[in-house]
Structure formats: C-alpha cells, structure tokens
Amino acid sequence: MVQSKEVMERNIHAYDEDVKWQWTEPGALMSAKAYRDKKALPLVEKLKEVVKYLTIKCVQLTEQSRKLTAKVDGQQKQMSRLTDKVMEQSDTIDRLQEKASDLGHLERI
C-alpha cells in the first residue's frame, strides 16, 4: 500500500514537472501546422493513453471491489450461521450439564 502511494505521488509529480508532459513554446519560425504535428498531437496522444489506462484501471478496481464486497457479504452470512450453530451447541451443552448434575444427584440418592 505504501509503495503504491509512493508510485502514485511520483507519477503525479512527473505529470506536473516532467518536460514530456508540458507544452513547449513554438520555435521562432515554426508554423502552426508544424507545431500541431510535432508538439501538440504527440502530447494529446500521450494524454489519451493515460486516460485510457486510468479508465481500464478504474473498471478493474470497480470489478475487484464488487467481488470483494460479495465475498465479505458471503463470509458475514457464514459467520452468522456459525454463530447460530455455536449458540445451539452452547444451549445443548447447558442442557446436558444440567442432566448430568441431575444424574449425579440420583446416583447419590
């Protein structure tokens, strides 16, 4: 968990400061078409790839969260069933101890 947080912070830092993620100033004699083709479009393509990756990751995490929630619900049901079973066993033990006590009294008499 700590490692993933560090990686995320490093990536965020890279998006803010890394040269490959920044708009560059056009050269003195660079035309708008050349700037678009050489600078703007590659950056937009990189941004599209990042958005695509994040969208896929979000869908995967949503699915993983759904599965884990279902698993937790199943385990809670199982715990509830086992708790009920333990309570029944406890009641049975109490009744058997009471009968054993009564039997002990009868044997002494």
N, C-alpha and C. Protein backbone atom coordinates (compact mmCIF):
# COMPACT_ATOMS: atom_id res chain seq x y z
N MET A 1 0.83 -1.19 0.00
CA MET A 1 0.00 0.00 0.00
C MET A 1 0.87 1.25 0.00
N VAL A 2 1.90 1.25 0.83
CA VAL A 2 2.79 2.41 0.91
C VAL A 2 3.55 2.57 -0.40
N GLN A 3 3.98 1.45 -1.01
CA GLN A 3 4.70 1.52 -2.27
C GLN A 3 3.82 2.10 -3.37
N SER A 4 2.57 1.67 -3.44
CA SER A 4 1.68 2.19 -4.49
C SER A 4 1.41 3.68 -4.29
N LYS A 5 1.35 4.11 -3.04
CA LYS A 5 1.16 5.54 -2.77
C LYS A 5 2.38 6.33 -3.25
N GLU A 6 3.57 5.79 -2.99
CA GLU A 6 4.80 6.46 -3.43
C GLU A 6 4.86 6.52 -4.95
N VAL A 7 4.49 5.44 -5.62
CA VAL A 7 4.49 5.41 -7.08
C VAL A 7 3.50 6.44 -7.62
N MET A 8 2.32 6.49 -7.01
CA MET A 8 1.30 7.44 -7.45
C MET A 8 1.79 8.88 -7.27
N GLU A 9 2.40 9.19 -6.12
CA GLU A 9 2.92 10.53 -5.89
C GLU A 9 4.02 10.87 -6.89
N ARG A 10 4.87 9.90 -7.19
CA ARG A 10 5.95 10.12 -8.16
C ARG A 10 5.36 10.40 -9.55
N ASN A 11 4.31 9.64 -9.93
CA ASN A 11 3.68 9.86 -11.23
C ASN A 11 3.01 11.22 -11.30
N ILE A 12 2.33 11.61 -10.23
CA ILE A 12 1.69 12.92 -10.21
C ILE A 12 2.74 14.02 -10.34
N HIS A 13 3.83 13.84 -9.63
CA HIS A 13 4.93 14.81 -9.70
C HIS A 13 5.46 14.88 -11.13
N ALA A 14 5.60 13.74 -11.79
CA ALA A 14 6.09 13.71 -13.16
C ALA A 14 5.14 14.44 -14.11
N TYR A 15 3.84 14.28 -13.93
CA TYR A 15 2.88 14.97 -14.80
C TYR A 15 2.98 16.49 -14.63
N ASP A 16 3.28 16.93 -13.42
CA ASP A 16 3.37 18.36 -13.17
C ASP A 16 4.65 18.97 -13.69
N GLU A 17 5.76 18.24 -13.61
CA GLU A 17 7.05 18.87 -13.88
C GLU A 17 7.85 18.28 -15.03
N ASP A 18 7.58 17.06 -15.44
CA ASP A 18 8.38 16.43 -16.49
C ASP A 18 8.18 17.17 -17.82
N VAL A 19 9.26 17.35 -18.54
CA VAL A 19 9.24 18.10 -19.80
C VAL A 19 8.32 17.44 -20.83
N LYS A 20 8.29 16.10 -20.84
CA LYS A 20 7.48 15.44 -21.88
C LYS A 20 5.98 15.66 -21.69
N TRP A 21 5.55 16.14 -20.52
CA TRP A 21 4.13 16.39 -20.27
C TRP A 21 3.79 17.88 -20.33
N GLN A 22 4.71 18.72 -20.74
CA GLN A 22 4.50 20.16 -20.76
C GLN A 22 4.37 20.67 -22.20
N TRP A 23 3.60 21.74 -22.35
CA TRP A 23 3.54 22.41 -23.64
C TRP A 23 4.87 23.12 -23.85
N THR A 24 5.40 23.00 -25.02
CA THR A 24 6.63 23.73 -25.32
C THR A 24 6.30 24.93 -26.18
N GLU A 25 7.11 25.94 -26.08
CA GLU A 25 6.92 27.13 -26.91
C GLU A 25 7.32 26.81 -28.35
N PRO A 26 6.57 27.31 -29.30
CA PRO A 26 6.96 27.07 -30.70
C PRO A 26 8.25 27.80 -31.03
N GLY A 27 8.98 27.21 -31.96
CA GLY A 27 10.22 27.84 -32.41
C GLY A 27 9.91 29.15 -33.13
N ALA A 28 10.93 29.94 -33.34
CA ALA A 28 10.75 31.26 -33.94
C ALA A 28 10.12 31.18 -35.33
N LEU A 29 10.50 30.21 -36.12
CA LEU A 29 9.98 30.11 -37.49
C LEU A 29 9.05 28.91 -37.67
N MET A 30 8.52 28.38 -36.57
CA MET A 30 7.66 27.20 -36.64
C MET A 30 6.23 27.62 -36.98
N SER A 31 5.65 26.96 -37.97
CA SER A 31 4.26 27.27 -38.34
C SER A 31 3.31 26.57 -37.38
N ALA A 32 2.07 27.01 -37.40
CA ALA A 32 1.05 26.42 -36.53
C ALA A 32 0.85 24.95 -36.87
N LYS A 33 0.88 24.61 -38.16
CA LYS A 33 0.70 23.22 -38.57
C LYS A 33 1.87 22.36 -38.08
N ALA A 34 3.06 22.85 -38.19
CA ALA A 34 4.23 22.10 -37.73
C ALA A 34 4.18 21.93 -36.21
N TYR A 35 3.80 22.99 -35.50
CA TYR A 35 3.68 22.90 -34.04
C TYR A 35 2.63 21.86 -33.64
N ARG A 36 1.52 21.91 -34.35
CA ARG A 36 0.44 20.94 -34.09
C ARG A 36 0.93 19.52 -34.31
N ASP A 37 1.58 19.27 -35.43
CA ASP A 37 2.03 17.93 -35.78
C ASP A 37 3.18 17.42 -34.91
N LYS A 38 4.10 18.29 -34.56
CA LYS A 38 5.30 17.86 -33.85
C LYS A 38 5.19 17.95 -32.33
N LYS A 39 4.38 18.86 -31.83
CA LYS A 39 4.32 19.08 -30.38
C LYS A 39 2.96 18.73 -29.77
N ALA A 40 1.91 19.33 -30.32
CA ALA A 40 0.59 19.20 -29.70
C ALA A 40 0.01 17.79 -29.84
N LEU A 41 0.00 17.25 -31.05
CA LEU A 41 -0.60 15.93 -31.25
C LEU A 41 0.09 14.82 -30.47
N PRO A 42 1.42 14.76 -30.42
CA PRO A 42 2.05 13.72 -29.60
C PRO A 42 1.67 13.82 -28.11
N LEU A 43 1.58 15.06 -27.61
CA LEU A 43 1.18 15.23 -26.21
C LEU A 43 -0.27 14.79 -26.01
N VAL A 44 -1.13 15.15 -26.93
CA VAL A 44 -2.54 14.73 -26.83
C VAL A 44 -2.64 13.21 -26.89
N GLU A 45 -1.85 12.57 -27.73
CA GLU A 45 -1.87 11.10 -27.82
C GLU A 45 -1.40 10.47 -26.51
N LYS A 46 -0.36 11.05 -25.90
CA LYS A 46 0.09 10.54 -24.60
C LYS A 46 -1.00 10.69 -23.56
N LEU A 47 -1.67 11.83 -23.58
CA LEU A 47 -2.76 12.07 -22.62
C LEU A 47 -3.92 11.09 -22.84
N LYS A 48 -4.21 10.81 -24.10
CA LYS A 48 -5.26 9.82 -24.40
C LYS A 48 -4.89 8.45 -23.84
N GLU A 49 -3.63 8.06 -24.01
CA GLU A 49 -3.18 6.77 -23.50
C GLU A 49 -3.30 6.71 -21.97
N VAL A 50 -2.93 7.80 -21.30
CA VAL A 50 -3.04 7.84 -19.84
C VAL A 50 -4.51 7.74 -19.41
N VAL A 51 -5.37 8.48 -20.09
CA VAL A 51 -6.80 8.43 -19.76
C VAL A 51 -7.35 7.03 -20.02
N LYS A 52 -6.95 6.41 -21.12
CA LYS A 52 -7.39 5.06 -21.44
C LYS A 52 -6.94 4.07 -20.36
N TYR A 53 -5.67 4.18 -19.97
CA TYR A 53 -5.13 3.30 -18.93
C TYR A 53 -5.89 3.51 -17.61
N LEU A 54 -6.12 4.75 -17.25
CA LEU A 54 -6.82 5.03 -15.99
C LEU A 54 -8.27 4.55 -16.03
N THR A 55 -8.90 4.66 -17.19
CA THR A 55 -10.28 4.17 -17.32
C THR A 55 -10.32 2.65 -17.15
N ILE A 56 -9.39 1.96 -17.79
CA ILE A 56 -9.32 0.50 -17.66
C ILE A 56 -9.05 0.12 -16.21
N LYS A 57 -8.11 0.80 -15.58
CA LYS A 57 -7.77 0.52 -14.18
C LYS A 57 -8.97 0.77 -13.27
N CYS A 58 -9.71 1.83 -13.54
CA CYS A 58 -10.90 2.15 -12.74
C CYS A 58 -11.94 1.04 -12.87
N VAL A 59 -12.16 0.56 -14.09
CA VAL A 59 -13.13 -0.53 -14.30
C VAL A 59 -12.66 -1.79 -13.58
N GLN A 60 -11.36 -2.09 -13.66
CA GLN A 60 -10.83 -3.27 -12.98
C GLN A 60 -10.99 -3.14 -11.47
N LEU A 61 -10.69 -1.98 -10.93
CA LEU A 61 -10.82 -1.77 -9.49
C LEU A 61 -12.28 -1.82 -9.04
N THR A 62 -13.18 -1.31 -9.86
CA THR A 62 -14.61 -1.38 -9.55
C THR A 62 -15.06 -2.83 -9.50
N GLU A 63 -14.62 -3.63 -10.47
CA GLU A 63 -14.97 -5.05 -10.50
C GLU A 63 -14.36 -5.77 -9.30
N GLN A 64 -13.11 -5.47 -8.98
CA GLN A 64 -12.46 -6.09 -7.83
C GLN A 64 -13.19 -5.71 -6.54
N SER A 65 -13.60 -4.47 -6.44
CA SER A 65 -14.34 -4.01 -5.26
C SER A 65 -15.68 -4.75 -5.15
N ARG A 66 -16.35 -4.91 -6.28
CA ARG A 66 -17.64 -5.63 -6.28
C ARG A 66 -17.45 -7.07 -5.82
N LYS A 67 -16.39 -7.73 -6.33
CA LYS A 67 -16.13 -9.11 -5.95
C LYS A 67 -15.79 -9.22 -4.47
N LEU A 68 -14.97 -8.30 -3.98
CA LEU A 68 -14.60 -8.34 -2.56
C LEU A 68 -15.80 -8.05 -1.66
N THR A 69 -16.66 -7.16 -2.08
CA THR A 69 -17.87 -6.87 -1.31
C THR A 69 -18.76 -8.11 -1.25
N ALA A 70 -18.91 -8.80 -2.38
CA ALA A 70 -19.70 -10.03 -2.40
C ALA A 70 -19.07 -11.09 -1.50
N LYS A 71 -17.75 -11.18 -1.52
CA LYS A 71 -17.05 -12.16 -0.68
C LYS A 71 -17.25 -11.84 0.80
N VAL A 72 -17.15 -10.56 1.15
CA VAL A 72 -17.36 -10.15 2.54
C VAL A 72 -18.79 -10.46 2.97
N ASP A 73 -19.75 -10.19 2.10
CA ASP A 73 -21.16 -10.50 2.43
C ASP A 73 -21.34 -11.99 2.67
N GLY A 74 -20.73 -12.81 1.82
CA GLY A 74 -20.82 -14.26 1.99
C GLY A 74 -20.20 -14.72 3.30
N GLN A 75 -19.06 -14.14 3.64
CA GLN A 75 -18.39 -14.51 4.88
C GLN A 75 -19.19 -14.05 6.10
N GLN A 76 -19.85 -12.89 5.99
CA GLN A 76 -20.69 -12.43 7.10
C GLN A 76 -21.87 -13.38 7.29
N LYS A 77 -22.45 -13.85 6.20
CA LYS A 77 -23.55 -14.81 6.31
C LYS A 77 -23.06 -16.11 6.95
N GLN A 78 -21.87 -16.55 6.51
CA GLN A 78 -21.30 -17.77 7.07
C GLN A 78 -21.01 -17.59 8.55
N MET A 79 -20.47 -16.45 8.95
CA MET A 79 -20.21 -16.18 10.36
C MET A 79 -21.50 -16.18 11.16
N SER A 80 -22.55 -15.59 10.60
CA SER A 80 -23.84 -15.56 11.29
C SER A 80 -24.37 -16.97 11.48
N ARG A 81 -24.26 -17.79 10.44
CA ARG A 81 -24.73 -19.17 10.53
C ARG A 81 -23.92 -19.95 11.57
N LEU A 82 -22.59 -19.76 11.56
CA LEU A 82 -21.75 -20.45 12.54
C LEU A 82 -22.00 -19.95 13.96
N THR A 83 -22.27 -18.67 14.11
CA THR A 83 -22.60 -18.12 15.43
C THR A 83 -23.88 -18.75 15.96
N ASP A 84 -24.87 -18.88 15.08
CA ASP A 84 -26.12 -19.54 15.48
C ASP A 84 -25.87 -20.98 15.89
N LYS A 85 -25.02 -21.66 15.13
CA LYS A 85 -24.70 -23.05 15.44
C LYS A 85 -23.99 -23.16 16.79
N VAL A 86 -23.06 -22.24 17.06
CA VAL A 86 -22.35 -22.23 18.34
C VAL A 86 -23.34 -21.98 19.48
N MET A 87 -24.27 -21.09 19.28
CA MET A 87 -25.27 -20.82 20.32
C MET A 87 -26.13 -22.06 20.58
N GLU A 88 -26.51 -22.77 19.51
CA GLU A 88 -27.27 -24.01 19.68
C GLU A 88 -26.45 -25.04 20.45
N GLN A 89 -25.19 -25.17 20.10
CA GLN A 89 -24.31 -26.11 20.79
C GLN A 89 -24.16 -25.72 22.25
N SER A 90 -24.06 -24.45 22.52
CA SER A 90 -23.95 -23.97 23.90
C SER A 90 -25.20 -24.32 24.70
N ASP A 91 -26.36 -24.12 24.08
CA ASP A 91 -27.61 -24.49 24.74
C ASP A 91 -27.66 -26.00 25.01
N THR A 92 -27.23 -26.80 24.04
CA THR A 92 -27.21 -28.26 24.20
C THR A 92 -26.27 -28.65 25.33
N ILE A 93 -25.10 -28.04 25.39
CA ILE A 93 -24.14 -28.33 26.46
C ILE A 93 -24.74 -27.98 27.82
N ASP A 94 -25.40 -26.83 27.90
CA ASP A 94 -26.03 -26.44 29.17
C ASP A 94 -27.07 -27.46 29.61
N ARG A 95 -27.89 -27.91 28.65
CA ARG A 95 -28.92 -28.90 29.00
C ARG A 95 -28.29 -30.23 29.43
N LEU A 96 -27.22 -30.64 28.71
CA LEU A 96 -26.56 -31.90 29.08
C LEU A 96 -25.88 -31.80 30.45
N GLN A 97 -25.31 -30.65 30.75
CA GLN A 97 -24.69 -30.47 32.07
C GLN A 97 -25.75 -30.51 33.16
N GLU A 98 -26.89 -29.95 32.89
CA GLU A 98 -27.99 -29.99 33.86
C GLU A 98 -28.45 -31.43 34.07
N LYS A 99 -28.56 -32.21 32.98
CA LYS A 99 -28.95 -33.61 33.11
C LYS A 99 -27.88 -34.40 33.85
N ALA A 100 -26.60 -34.11 33.58
CA ALA A 100 -25.51 -34.81 34.28
C ALA A 100 -25.56 -34.50 35.76
N SER A 101 -25.88 -33.27 36.10
CA SER A 101 -26.00 -32.88 37.51
C SER A 101 -27.16 -33.63 38.17
N ASP A 102 -28.30 -33.69 37.45
CA ASP A 102 -29.45 -34.43 37.97
C ASP A 102 -29.12 -35.91 38.14
N LEU A 103 -28.39 -36.47 37.16
CA LEU A 103 -28.00 -37.87 37.23
C LEU A 103 -27.07 -38.10 38.43
N GLY A 104 -26.16 -37.16 38.68
CA GLY A 104 -25.28 -37.26 39.84
C GLY A 104 -26.06 -37.27 41.14
N HIS A 105 -27.09 -36.42 41.22
CA HIS A 105 -27.96 -36.42 42.41
C HIS A 105 -28.68 -37.75 42.58
N LEU A 106 -29.17 -38.31 41.47
CA LEU A 106 -29.88 -39.60 41.54
C LEU A 106 -28.94 -40.70 42.00
N GLU A 107 -27.73 -40.71 41.51
CA GLU A 107 -26.78 -41.75 41.88
C GLU A 107 -26.45 -41.67 43.36
N ARG A 108 -26.34 -40.45 43.90
CA ARG A 108 -26.05 -40.30 45.33
C ARG A 108 -27.21 -40.76 46.21
N ILE A 109 -28.40 -40.56 45.69
CA ILE A 109 -29.58 -40.95 46.48
C ILE A 109 -29.68 -42.46 46.45
